[in-house]
């Protein structure tokens, strides 16, 4: 075989035995019961596997099929819709599992291999390159996922949750989405993001994030106000509503307030607030620069944690 074929075959040999076909036999949705399927891959010898949150979210019954045809009942350990990452567990010990790589070391143009179960065709292999690094993708929860990998390795429904692998057999992404109607625009959640999420879920049962508890919208500031504030950033966050008892209410924010800064960091939109409200902010005072009634006031808030 030539060098390209050897690289692809080597990646497949290293990882394919750890890839499973996940079949959701019963899922709770707003419309009632439904089913679905996707991919996943085992990353520990005791049967923990990674997949996409949208593959298993709401699953009442989950079946995992190995490449050799064996089927076992799987358990959803935890999901994080904000990053579209989920952990499931398969019973027993496993001799084959995939090793997570460091997605921060990836280079644009690097060869990658996608393995999954597109449209029900088990253990399908496609190849491509890292088309771009550091993309952002909107999750089903509405939050923006940062540091997303873009690849032209062909993906189809059913590939979701499968591994994106480098030639040395390390998983550097979880295949998650394609742009409908486009060609060669596919995306994967970076392995470093997945590693953080799985650490949080295994330790705390969820991914800890802080929150203010407000309904807000990204707005464009009028030029007059930009001149008045001597502000280069045109975007800001307008407070629309919040429930009583939330950190936002306790801090004294009111509908109509325009948030300009978060601990001296310029805020240009709701996505900026999401990025800044990390677990490290839980229970700690923050300062919000807010435009209200023709002037800028400082509001002190203490972000809380979600249930």
C-alpha atoms as a PDB file:
ATOM      1  CA  UNK A   1       0.000   0.000   0.000  1.00  0.00           C
ATOM      2  CA  UNK A   2       1.063   3.594  -0.515  1.00  0.00           C
ATOM      3  CA  UNK A   3       1.723   5.916   2.444  1.00  0.00           C
ATOM      4  CA  UNK A   4      -1.781   7.451   2.338  1.00  0.00           C
ATOM      5  CA  UNK A   5      -3.519   4.073   2.407  1.00  0.00           C
ATOM      6  CA  UNK A   6      -1.261   2.860   5.195  1.00  0.00           C
ATOM      7  CA  UNK A   7      -2.061   5.953   7.282  1.00  0.00           C
ATOM      8  CA  UNK A   8      -5.812   5.500   6.878  1.00  0.00           C
ATOM      9  CA  UNK A   9      -5.729   1.739   7.445  1.00  0.00           C
ATOM     10  CA  UNK A  10      -3.570   2.219  10.542  1.00  0.00           C
ATOM     11  CA  UNK A  11      -6.062   4.675  12.046  1.00  0.00           C
ATOM     12  CA  UNK A  12      -8.952   2.315  11.314  1.00  0.00           C
ATOM     13  CA  UNK A  13      -7.109  -0.657  12.854  1.00  0.00           C
ATOM     14  CA  UNK A  14      -6.422   1.345  16.003  1.00  0.00           C
ATOM     15  CA  UNK A  15      -9.938   2.668  16.603  1.00  0.00           C
ATOM     16  CA  UNK A  16     -12.638   0.764  14.697  1.00  0.00           C
ATOM     17  CA  UNK A  17     -13.091  -1.983  17.317  1.00  0.00           C
ATOM     18  CA  UNK A  18     -14.050   0.680  19.882  1.00  0.00           C
ATOM     19  CA  UNK A  19     -16.800   2.224  17.703  1.00  0.00           C
ATOM     20  CA  UNK A  20     -20.373   1.215  18.505  1.00  0.00           C
ATOM     21  CA  UNK A  21     -23.719   1.746  16.826  1.00  0.00           C
ATOM     22  CA  UNK A  22     -26.126   3.358  19.304  1.00  0.00           C
ATOM     23  CA  UNK A  23     -29.834   2.700  18.808  1.00  0.00           C
ATOM     24  CA  UNK A  24     -32.310   4.720  20.839  1.00  0.00           C
ATOM     25  CA  UNK A  25     -35.318   2.423  21.135  1.00  0.00           C
ATOM     26  CA  UNK A  26     -37.449   4.810  23.167  1.00  0.00           C
ATOM     27  CA  UNK A  27     -37.000   8.560  23.496  1.00  0.00           C
ATOM     28  CA  UNK A  28     -39.155  11.147  25.275  1.00  0.00           C
ATOM     29  CA  UNK A  29     -39.894  14.205  23.125  1.00  0.00           C
ATOM     30  CA  UNK A  30     -42.438  17.020  23.116  1.00  0.00           C
ATOM     31  CA  UNK A  31     -44.319  15.098  20.430  1.00  0.00           C
ATOM     32  CA  UNK A  32     -44.324  11.834  22.388  1.00  0.00           C
ATOM     33  CA  UNK A  33     -42.199   8.712  21.882  1.00  0.00           C
ATOM     34  CA  UNK A  34     -39.579   8.429  19.154  1.00  0.00           C
ATOM     35  CA  UNK A  35     -36.477   6.441  18.214  1.00  0.00           C
ATOM     36  CA  UNK A  36     -33.159   7.207  16.556  1.00  0.00           C
ATOM     37  CA  UNK A  37     -29.582   6.087  16.099  1.00  0.00           C
ATOM     38  CA  UNK A  38     -26.033   7.332  15.942  1.00  0.00           C
ATOM     39  CA  UNK A  39     -22.475   6.389  16.765  1.00  0.00           C
ATOM     40  CA  UNK A  40     -20.207   6.376  19.779  1.00  0.00           C
ATOM     41  CA  UNK A  41     -16.779   5.131  20.797  1.00  0.00           C
ATOM     42  CA  UNK A  42     -15.426   3.477  23.954  1.00  0.00           C
ATOM     43  CA  UNK A  43     -12.593   5.412  25.587  1.00  0.00           C
ATOM     44  CA  UNK A  44     -11.944   3.420  28.784  1.00  0.00           C
ATOM     45  CA  UNK A  45     -11.500  -0.321  29.463  1.00  0.00           C
ATOM     46  CA  UNK A  46     -14.491  -0.270  31.826  1.00  0.00           C
ATOM     47  CA  UNK A  47     -16.920   0.646  29.059  1.00  0.00           C
ATOM     48  CA  UNK A  48     -17.346   4.407  29.153  1.00  0.00           C
ATOM     49  CA  UNK A  49     -18.121   5.774  25.700  1.00  0.00           C
ATOM     50  CA  UNK A  50     -18.471   9.238  24.178  1.00  0.00           C
ATOM     51  CA  UNK A  51     -21.166  10.336  21.754  1.00  0.00           C
ATOM     52  CA  UNK A  52     -23.284  13.397  20.950  1.00  0.00           C
ATOM     53  CA  UNK A  53     -25.880  14.679  23.371  1.00  0.00           C
ATOM     54  CA  UNK A  54     -28.437  14.933  20.563  1.00  0.00           C
ATOM     55  CA  UNK A  55     -28.002  11.208  19.834  1.00  0.00           C
ATOM     56  CA  UNK A  56     -29.014  10.000  23.312  1.00  0.00           C
ATOM     57  CA  UNK A  57     -30.801  12.953  24.927  1.00  0.00           C
ATOM     58  CA  UNK A  58     -34.121  11.834  26.413  1.00  0.00           C
ATOM     59  CA  UNK A  59     -33.386   8.142  25.772  1.00  0.00           C
ATOM     60  CA  UNK A  60     -35.370   5.722  27.928  1.00  0.00           C
ATOM     61  CA  UNK A  61     -33.835   2.666  26.311  1.00  0.00           C
ATOM     62  CA  UNK A  62     -30.445   2.493  24.568  1.00  0.00           C
ATOM     63  CA  UNK A  63     -28.906  -0.416  22.674  1.00  0.00           C
ATOM     64  CA  UNK A  64     -25.226  -0.544  21.670  1.00  0.00           C
ATOM     65  CA  UNK A  65     -24.066  -2.784  18.840  1.00  0.00           C
ATOM     66  CA  UNK A  66     -20.397  -3.771  18.509  1.00  0.00           C
ATOM     67  CA  UNK A  67     -18.683  -4.180  15.114  1.00  0.00           C
ATOM     68  CA  UNK A  68     -18.819  -7.979  15.557  1.00  0.00           C
ATOM     69  CA  UNK A  69     -22.619  -7.905  15.836  1.00  0.00           C
ATOM     70  CA  UNK A  70     -22.985  -8.283  19.618  1.00  0.00           C
ATOM     71  CA  UNK A  71     -25.621  -6.085  21.226  1.00  0.00           C
ATOM     72  CA  UNK A  72     -25.849  -4.858  24.824  1.00  0.00           C
ATOM     73  CA  UNK A  73     -28.041  -2.488  26.786  1.00  0.00           C
ATOM     74  CA  UNK A  74     -26.229   0.809  27.419  1.00  0.00           C
ATOM     75  CA  UNK A  75     -26.784   3.435  30.103  1.00  0.00           C
ATOM     76  CA  UNK A  76     -26.678   7.209  29.674  1.00  0.00           C
ATOM     77  CA  UNK A  77     -24.289   8.537  32.343  1.00  0.00           C
ATOM     78  CA  UNK A  78     -24.689  12.234  31.556  1.00  0.00           C
ATOM     79  CA  UNK A  79     -25.289  14.714  28.768  1.00  0.00           C
ATOM     80  CA  UNK A  80     -24.262  18.296  28.077  1.00  0.00           C
ATOM     81  CA  UNK A  81     -26.490  19.800  25.361  1.00  0.00           C
ATOM     82  CA  UNK A  82     -24.471  23.047  25.498  1.00  0.00           C
ATOM     83  CA  UNK A  83     -21.477  21.273  23.917  1.00  0.00           C
ATOM     84  CA  UNK A  84     -23.415  18.366  22.329  1.00  0.00           C
ATOM     85  CA  UNK A  85     -21.342  15.837  24.284  1.00  0.00           C
ATOM     86  CA  UNK A  86     -22.674  12.821  26.187  1.00  0.00           C
ATOM     87  CA  UNK A  87     -21.242   9.862  28.080  1.00  0.00           C
ATOM     88  CA  UNK A  88     -22.783   6.393  28.011  1.00  0.00           C
ATOM     89  CA  UNK A  89     -21.589   3.201  29.664  1.00  0.00           C
ATOM     90  CA  UNK A  90     -21.536  -0.316  28.284  1.00  0.00           C
ATOM     91  CA  UNK A  91     -21.410  -3.282  30.710  1.00  0.00           C
ATOM     92  CA  UNK A  92     -18.312  -5.380  31.278  1.00  0.00           C
ATOM     93  CA  UNK A  93     -14.619  -4.961  30.596  1.00  0.00           C
ATOM     94  CA  UNK A  94     -13.285  -4.030  27.179  1.00  0.00           C
ATOM     95  CA  UNK A  95     -10.001  -4.978  25.551  1.00  0.00           C
ATOM     96  CA  UNK A  96     -10.407  -2.358  22.813  1.00  0.00           C
ATOM     97  CA  UNK A  97     -10.818   1.339  23.493  1.00  0.00           C
ATOM     98  CA  UNK A  98      -9.821   4.561  21.747  1.00  0.00           C
ATOM     99  CA  UNK A  99      -7.307   7.035  23.119  1.00  0.00           C
ATOM    100  CA  UNK A 100      -8.150  10.718  23.194  1.00  0.00           C
ATOM    101  CA  UNK A 101      -5.616  13.012  21.538  1.00  0.00           C
ATOM    102  CA  UNK A 102      -4.795  16.688  22.044  1.00  0.00           C
ATOM    103  CA  UNK A 103      -6.886  18.745  19.608  1.00  0.00           C
ATOM    104  CA  UNK A 104      -4.774  21.822  20.405  1.00  0.00           C
ATOM    105  CA  UNK A 105      -1.924  20.258  18.399  1.00  0.00           C
ATOM    106  CA  UNK A 106      -3.932  19.969  15.170  1.00  0.00           C
ATOM    107  CA  UNK A 107      -2.889  21.821  12.028  1.00  0.00           C
ATOM    108  CA  UNK A 108      -5.028  22.982   9.146  1.00  0.00           C
ATOM    109  CA  UNK A 109      -4.732  20.535   6.261  1.00  0.00           C
ATOM    110  CA  UNK A 110      -3.913  17.558   8.503  1.00  0.00           C
ATOM    111  CA  UNK A 111      -5.284  14.165   7.416  1.00  0.00           C
ATOM    112  CA  UNK A 112      -8.183  12.823   9.506  1.00  0.00           C
ATOM    113  CA  UNK A 113     -10.382   9.724   9.376  1.00  0.00           C
ATOM    114  CA  UNK A 114     -14.068   9.607  10.370  1.00  0.00           C
ATOM    115  CA  UNK A 115     -15.583   6.320  11.552  1.00  0.00           C
ATOM    116  CA  UNK A 116     -19.275   5.798  12.237  1.00  0.00           C
ATOM    117  CA  UNK A 117     -22.579   4.296  11.174  1.00  0.00           C
ATOM    118  CA  UNK A 118     -24.069   6.627   8.538  1.00  0.00           C
ATOM    119  CA  UNK A 119     -27.640   5.756   7.591  1.00  0.00           C
ATOM    120  CA  UNK A 120     -27.270   2.450   9.441  1.00  0.00           C
ATOM    121  CA  UNK A 121     -24.220   1.203   7.504  1.00  0.00           C
ATOM    122  CA  UNK A 122     -22.049  -0.098  10.333  1.00  0.00           C
ATOM    123  CA  UNK A 123     -18.403   0.915  10.754  1.00  0.00           C
ATOM    124  CA  UNK A 124     -18.112   3.110   7.670  1.00  0.00           C
ATOM    125  CA  UNK A 125     -14.808   4.912   7.089  1.00  0.00           C
ATOM    126  CA  UNK A 126     -14.361   8.252   5.311  1.00  0.00           C
ATOM    127  CA  UNK A 127     -11.316  10.485   5.043  1.00  0.00           C
ATOM    128  CA  UNK A 128     -10.532  14.158   4.676  1.00  0.00           C
ATOM    129  CA  UNK A 129      -8.497  16.947   6.191  1.00  0.00           C
ATOM    130  CA  UNK A 130      -8.886  19.513   8.935  1.00  0.00           C
ATOM    131  CA  UNK A 131     -10.414  22.314   6.875  1.00  0.00           C
ATOM    132  CA  UNK A 132     -10.363  24.904   9.659  1.00  0.00           C
ATOM    133  CA  UNK A 133      -9.761  25.232  13.382  1.00  0.00           C
ATOM    134  CA  UNK A 134     -11.533  27.292  16.021  1.00  0.00           C
ATOM    135  CA  UNK A 135     -14.962  27.422  14.386  1.00  0.00           C
ATOM    136  CA  UNK A 136     -18.110  28.197  16.398  1.00  0.00           C
ATOM    137  CA  UNK A 137     -21.314  26.176  16.108  1.00  0.00           C
ATOM    138  CA  UNK A 138     -24.738  26.771  17.627  1.00  0.00           C
ATOM    139  CA  UNK A 139     -25.839  23.875  19.828  1.00  0.00           C
ATOM    140  CA  UNK A 140     -29.434  22.683  20.101  1.00  0.00           C
ATOM    141  CA  UNK A 141     -29.609  24.393  23.494  1.00  0.00           C
ATOM    142  CA  UNK A 142     -28.895  27.744  21.843  1.00  0.00           C
ATOM    143  CA  UNK A 143     -25.417  28.248  23.277  1.00  0.00           C
ATOM    144  CA  UNK A 144     -22.424  28.708  21.022  1.00  0.00           C
ATOM    145  CA  UNK A 145     -19.883  25.858  21.009  1.00  0.00           C
ATOM    146  CA  UNK A 146     -16.379  27.248  20.592  1.00  0.00           C
ATOM    147  CA  UNK A 147     -13.213  25.587  19.246  1.00  0.00           C
ATOM    148  CA  UNK A 148     -15.138  23.378  16.798  1.00  0.00           C
ATOM    149  CA  UNK A 149     -13.193  21.491  14.123  1.00  0.00           C
ATOM    150  CA  UNK A 150     -14.223  21.802  10.475  1.00  0.00           C
ATOM    151  CA  UNK A 151     -13.446  18.868   8.180  1.00  0.00           C
ATOM    152  CA  UNK A 152     -14.286  17.756   4.657  1.00  0.00           C
ATOM    153  CA  UNK A 153     -14.425  14.070   5.655  1.00  0.00           C
ATOM    154  CA  UNK A 154     -17.918  13.105   4.389  1.00  0.00           C
ATOM    155  CA  UNK A 155     -20.483  12.688   7.188  1.00  0.00           C
ATOM    156  CA  UNK A 156     -24.114  11.620   7.019  1.00  0.00           C
ATOM    157  CA  UNK A 157     -26.951  11.074   9.522  1.00  0.00           C
ATOM    158  CA  UNK A 158     -25.784   8.295  11.823  1.00  0.00           C
ATOM    159  CA  UNK A 159     -22.170   9.503  11.862  1.00  0.00           C
ATOM    160  CA  UNK A 160     -23.069  11.739  14.805  1.00  0.00           C
ATOM    161  CA  UNK A 161     -21.114  10.746  17.899  1.00  0.00           C
ATOM    162  CA  UNK A 162     -18.452   8.807  16.017  1.00  0.00           C
ATOM    163  CA  UNK A 163     -14.723   9.529  16.307  1.00  0.00           C
ATOM    164  CA  UNK A 164     -12.595  11.779  14.119  1.00  0.00           C
ATOM    165  CA  UNK A 165      -9.141  10.198  14.194  1.00  0.00           C
ATOM    166  CA  UNK A 166      -5.567  11.171  13.276  1.00  0.00           C
ATOM    167  CA  UNK A 167      -3.309   8.684  11.438  1.00  0.00           C
ATOM    168  CA  UNK A 168      -1.610   7.749  14.727  1.00  0.00           C
ATOM    169  CA  UNK A 169      -4.946   6.398  15.989  1.00  0.00           C
ATOM    170  CA  UNK A 170      -5.865   9.160  18.441  1.00  0.00           C
ATOM    171  CA  UNK A 171      -9.379  10.603  18.603  1.00  0.00           C
ATOM    172  CA  UNK A 172      -9.252  14.384  18.221  1.00  0.00           C
ATOM    173  CA  UNK A 173     -12.950  15.053  17.642  1.00  0.00           C
ATOM    174  CA  UNK A 174     -16.529  13.824  17.965  1.00  0.00           C
ATOM    175  CA  UNK A 175     -18.355  14.097  14.646  1.00  0.00           C
ATOM    176  CA  UNK A 176     -21.456  16.159  15.213  1.00  0.00           C
ATOM    177  CA  UNK A 177     -22.938  18.094  12.287  1.00  0.00           C
ATOM    178  CA  UNK A 178     -23.068  18.814   8.585  1.00  0.00           C
ATOM    179  CA  UNK A 179     -24.355  21.851   6.725  1.00  0.00           C
ATOM    180  CA  UNK A 180     -27.426  20.684   4.805  1.00  0.00           C
ATOM    181  CA  UNK A 181     -27.169  21.303   1.078  1.00  0.00           C
ATOM    182  CA  UNK A 182     -23.430  21.958   1.198  1.00  0.00           C
ATOM    183  CA  UNK A 183     -20.553  19.683   0.276  1.00  0.00           C
ATOM    184  CA  UNK A 184     -17.499  19.170   2.457  1.00  0.00           C
ATOM    185  CA  UNK A 185     -18.729  21.298   5.364  1.00  0.00           C
ATOM    186  CA  UNK A 186     -18.721  18.978   8.362  1.00  0.00           C
ATOM    187  CA  UNK A 187     -17.951  19.672  12.003  1.00  0.00           C
ATOM    188  CA  UNK A 188     -16.631  17.865  15.064  1.00  0.00           C
ATOM    189  CA  UNK A 189     -16.463  18.749  18.749  1.00  0.00           C
ATOM    190  CA  UNK A 190     -12.775  19.044  19.685  1.00  0.00           C
ATOM    191  CA  UNK A 191     -11.397  16.276  21.905  1.00  0.00           C
ATOM    192  CA  UNK A 192     -10.141  18.822  24.446  1.00  0.00           C
ATOM    193  CA  UNK A 193     -13.706  20.136  24.835  1.00  0.00           C
ATOM    194  CA  UNK A 194     -14.998  16.568  25.228  1.00  0.00           C
ATOM    195  CA  UNK A 195     -12.298  15.769  27.789  1.00  0.00           C
ATOM    196  CA  UNK A 196     -13.314  18.744  29.919  1.00  0.00           C
ATOM    197  CA  UNK A 197     -16.993  17.787  29.704  1.00  0.00           C
ATOM    198  CA  UNK A 198     -16.428  14.138  30.592  1.00  0.00           C
ATOM    199  CA  UNK A 199     -14.303  15.172  33.577  1.00  0.00           C
ATOM    200  CA  UNK A 200     -17.093  17.402  34.869  1.00  0.00           C
ATOM    201  CA  UNK A 201     -19.820  14.788  34.310  1.00  0.00           C
ATOM    202  CA  UNK A 202     -17.872  11.938  35.916  1.00  0.00           C
ATOM    203  CA  UNK A 203     -16.965  14.071  38.942  1.00  0.00           C
ATOM    204  CA  UNK A 204     -20.089  16.201  39.448  1.00  0.00           C
ATOM    205  CA  UNK A 205     -22.781  14.505  37.355  1.00  0.00           C
ATOM    206  CA  UNK A 206     -23.090  17.580  35.159  1.00  0.00           C
ATOM    207  CA  UNK A 207     -21.032  20.367  33.644  1.00  0.00           C
ATOM    208  CA  UNK A 208     -20.875  23.183  36.168  1.00  0.00           C
ATOM    209  CA  UNK A 209     -21.566  26.634  34.791  1.00  0.00           C
ATOM    210  CA  UNK A 210     -22.551  29.845  36.510  1.00  0.00           C
ATOM    211  CA  UNK A 211     -25.563  31.885  35.499  1.00  0.00           C
ATOM    212  CA  UNK A 212     -27.237  35.214  36.157  1.00  0.00           C
ATOM    213  CA  UNK A 213     -30.756  34.081  35.321  1.00  0.00           C
ATOM    214  CA  UNK A 214     -31.839  36.739  32.885  1.00  0.00           C
ATOM    215  CA  UNK A 215     -33.492  36.841  29.509  1.00  0.00           C
ATOM    216  CA  UNK A 216     -31.359  39.011  27.252  1.00  0.00           C
ATOM    217  CA  UNK A 217     -30.742  39.940  23.647  1.00  0.00           C
ATOM    218  CA  UNK A 218     -27.772  41.119  21.639  1.00  0.00           C
ATOM    219  CA  UNK A 219     -28.271  44.669  20.399  1.00  0.00           C
ATOM    220  CA  UNK A 220     -26.415  47.167  18.216  1.00  0.00           C
ATOM    221  CA  UNK A 221     -25.706  50.431  19.982  1.00  0.00           C
ATOM    222  CA  UNK A 222     -26.612  53.628  18.120  1.00  0.00           C
ATOM    223  CA  UNK A 223     -23.709  55.753  16.887  1.00  0.00           C
ATOM    224  CA  UNK A 224     -24.698  58.585  19.201  1.00  0.00           C
ATOM    225  CA  UNK A 225     -24.326  56.325  22.229  1.00  0.00           C
ATOM    226  CA  UNK A 226     -21.023  54.917  20.946  1.00  0.00           C
ATOM    227  CA  UNK A 227     -19.624  58.449  20.773  1.00  0.00           C
ATOM    228  CA  UNK A 228     -21.010  59.288  24.210  1.00  0.00           C
ATOM    229  CA  UNK A 229     -19.450  56.179  25.767  1.00  0.00           C
ATOM    230  CA  UNK A 230     -16.255  56.410  23.692  1.00  0.00           C
ATOM    231  CA  UNK A 231     -16.841  52.755  22.839  1.00  0.00           C
ATOM    232  CA  UNK A 232     -15.440  50.921  19.814  1.00  0.00           C
ATOM    233  CA  UNK A 233     -17.502  47.762  20.244  1.00  0.00           C
ATOM    234  CA  UNK A 234     -20.875  48.258  18.591  1.00  0.00           C
ATOM    235  CA  UNK A 235     -22.664  45.360  20.306  1.00  0.00           C
ATOM    236  CA  UNK A 236     -23.960  44.999  23.865  1.00  0.00           C
ATOM    237  CA  UNK A 237     -26.509  42.983  25.868  1.00  0.00           C
ATOM    238  CA  UNK A 238     -29.957  44.334  26.681  1.00  0.00           C
ATOM    239  CA  UNK A 239     -31.724  42.858  29.718  1.00  0.00           C
ATOM    240  CA  UNK A 240     -35.229  41.819  28.679  1.00  0.00           C
ATOM    241  CA  UNK A 241     -36.570  39.887  31.681  1.00  0.00           C
ATOM    242  CA  UNK A 242     -35.723  37.623  34.606  1.00  0.00           C
ATOM    243  CA  UNK A 243     -37.430  35.697  37.363  1.00  0.00           C
ATOM    244  CA  UNK A 244     -37.489  36.803  40.985  1.00  0.00           C
ATOM    245  CA  UNK A 245     -34.834  35.287  43.182  1.00  0.00           C
ATOM    246  CA  UNK A 246     -32.253  34.886  40.426  1.00  0.00           C
ATOM    247  CA  UNK A 247     -28.752  36.377  40.770  1.00  0.00           C
ATOM    248  CA  UNK A 248     -29.733  39.072  38.259  1.00  0.00           C
ATOM    249  CA  UNK A 249     -32.752  40.099  40.337  1.00  0.00           C
ATOM    250  CA  UNK A 250     -30.780  40.052  43.578  1.00  0.00           C
ATOM    251  CA  UNK A 251     -28.104  42.256  42.015  1.00  0.00           C
ATOM    252  CA  UNK A 252     -30.665  44.909  41.086  1.00  0.00           C
ATOM    253  CA  UNK A 253     -30.639  44.582  37.311  1.00  0.00           C
ATOM    254  CA  UNK A 254     -33.854  45.776  35.665  1.00  0.00           C
ATOM    255  CA  UNK A 255     -35.379  45.245  32.219  1.00  0.00           C
ATOM    256  CA  UNK A 256     -33.930  47.765  29.790  1.00  0.00           C
ATOM    257  CA  UNK A 257     -30.463  47.770  31.352  1.00  0.00           C
ATOM    258  CA  UNK A 258     -27.677  47.483  28.772  1.00  0.00           C
ATOM    259  CA  UNK A 259     -24.681  45.432  29.914  1.00  0.00           C
ATOM    260  CA  UNK A 260     -21.438  46.855  28.509  1.00  0.00           C
ATOM    261  CA  UNK A 261     -18.730  45.140  30.544  1.00  0.00           C
ATOM    262  CA  UNK A 262     -18.245  42.049  32.715  1.00  0.00           C
ATOM    263  CA  UNK A 263     -15.384  42.494  35.195  1.00  0.00           C
ATOM    264  CA  UNK A 264     -13.856  45.153  32.903  1.00  0.00           C
ATOM    265  CA  UNK A 265     -14.181  42.844  29.852  1.00  0.00           C
ATOM    266  CA  UNK A 266     -16.189  44.311  26.973  1.00  0.00           C
ATOM    267  CA  UNK A 267     -19.398  42.392  26.290  1.00  0.00           C
ATOM    268  CA  UNK A 268     -20.603  42.506  22.700  1.00  0.00           C
ATOM    269  CA  UNK A 269     -23.433  39.981  22.882  1.00  0.00           C
ATOM    270  CA  UNK A 270     -25.167  37.180  24.739  1.00  0.00           C
ATOM    271  CA  UNK A 271     -22.564  34.674  23.551  1.00  0.00           C
ATOM    272  CA  UNK A 272     -19.866  36.689  25.338  1.00  0.00           C
ATOM    273  CA  UNK A 273     -21.849  36.429  28.575  1.00  0.00           C
ATOM    274  CA  UNK A 274     -22.120  32.659  28.158  1.00  0.00           C
ATOM    275  CA  UNK A 275     -18.349  32.341  27.668  1.00  0.00           C
ATOM    276  CA  UNK A 276     -17.612  34.426  30.747  1.00  0.00           C
ATOM    277  CA  UNK A 277     -20.063  32.642  33.060  1.00  0.00           C
ATOM    278  CA  UNK A 278     -17.798  29.695  33.807  1.00  0.00           C
ATOM    279  CA  UNK A 279     -17.687  27.419  36.844  1.00  0.00           C
ATOM    280  CA  UNK A 280     -14.881  29.566  38.260  1.00  0.00           C
ATOM    281  CA  UNK A 281     -17.366  32.449  38.662  1.00  0.00           C
ATOM    282  CA  UNK A 282     -19.710  30.445  40.910  1.00  0.00           C
ATOM    283  CA  UNK A 283     -20.403  32.305  44.147  1.00  0.00           C
ATOM    284  CA  UNK A 284     -17.870  35.041  43.397  1.00  0.00           C
ATOM    285  CA  UNK A 285     -18.668  38.731  43.045  1.00  0.00           C
ATOM    286  CA  UNK A 286     -18.495  40.208  39.561  1.00  0.00           C
ATOM    287  CA  UNK A 287     -18.901  43.791  38.394  1.00  0.00           C
ATOM    288  CA  UNK A 288     -21.189  44.666  35.520  1.00  0.00           C
ATOM    289  CA  UNK A 289     -20.918  48.048  33.797  1.00  0.00           C
ATOM    290  CA  UNK A 290     -24.509  48.857  32.858  1.00  0.00           C
ATOM    291  CA  UNK A 291     -25.962  51.734  30.822  1.00  0.00           C
ATOM    292  CA  UNK A 292     -29.119  52.977  32.568  1.00  0.00           C
ATOM    293  CA  UNK A 293     -31.075  56.256  32.464  1.00  0.00           C
ATOM    294  CA  UNK A 294     -28.466  58.107  30.427  1.00  0.00           C
ATOM    295  CA  UNK A 295     -25.404  57.013  32.402  1.00  0.00           C
ATOM    296  CA  UNK A 296     -23.172  54.083  33.284  1.00  0.00           C
ATOM    297  CA  UNK A 297     -23.584  52.425  36.680  1.00  0.00           C
ATOM    298  CA  UNK A 298     -21.719  49.507  38.247  1.00  0.00           C
ATOM    299  CA  UNK A 299     -23.778  46.546  39.432  1.00  0.00           C
ATOM    300  CA  UNK A 300     -22.265  43.869  41.676  1.00  0.00           C
ATOM    301  CA  UNK A 301     -23.688  40.395  41.083  1.00  0.00           C
ATOM    302  CA  UNK A 302     -22.917  36.914  42.402  1.00  0.00           C
ATOM    303  CA  UNK A 303     -23.496  34.251  39.707  1.00  0.00           C
ATOM    304  CA  UNK A 304     -25.228  31.114  40.898  1.00  0.00           C
ATOM    305  CA  UNK A 305     -25.190  27.521  39.699  1.00  0.00           C
ATOM    306  CA  UNK A 306     -27.853  25.771  37.641  1.00  0.00           C
ATOM    307  CA  UNK A 307     -29.729  22.833  39.131  1.00  0.00           C
END
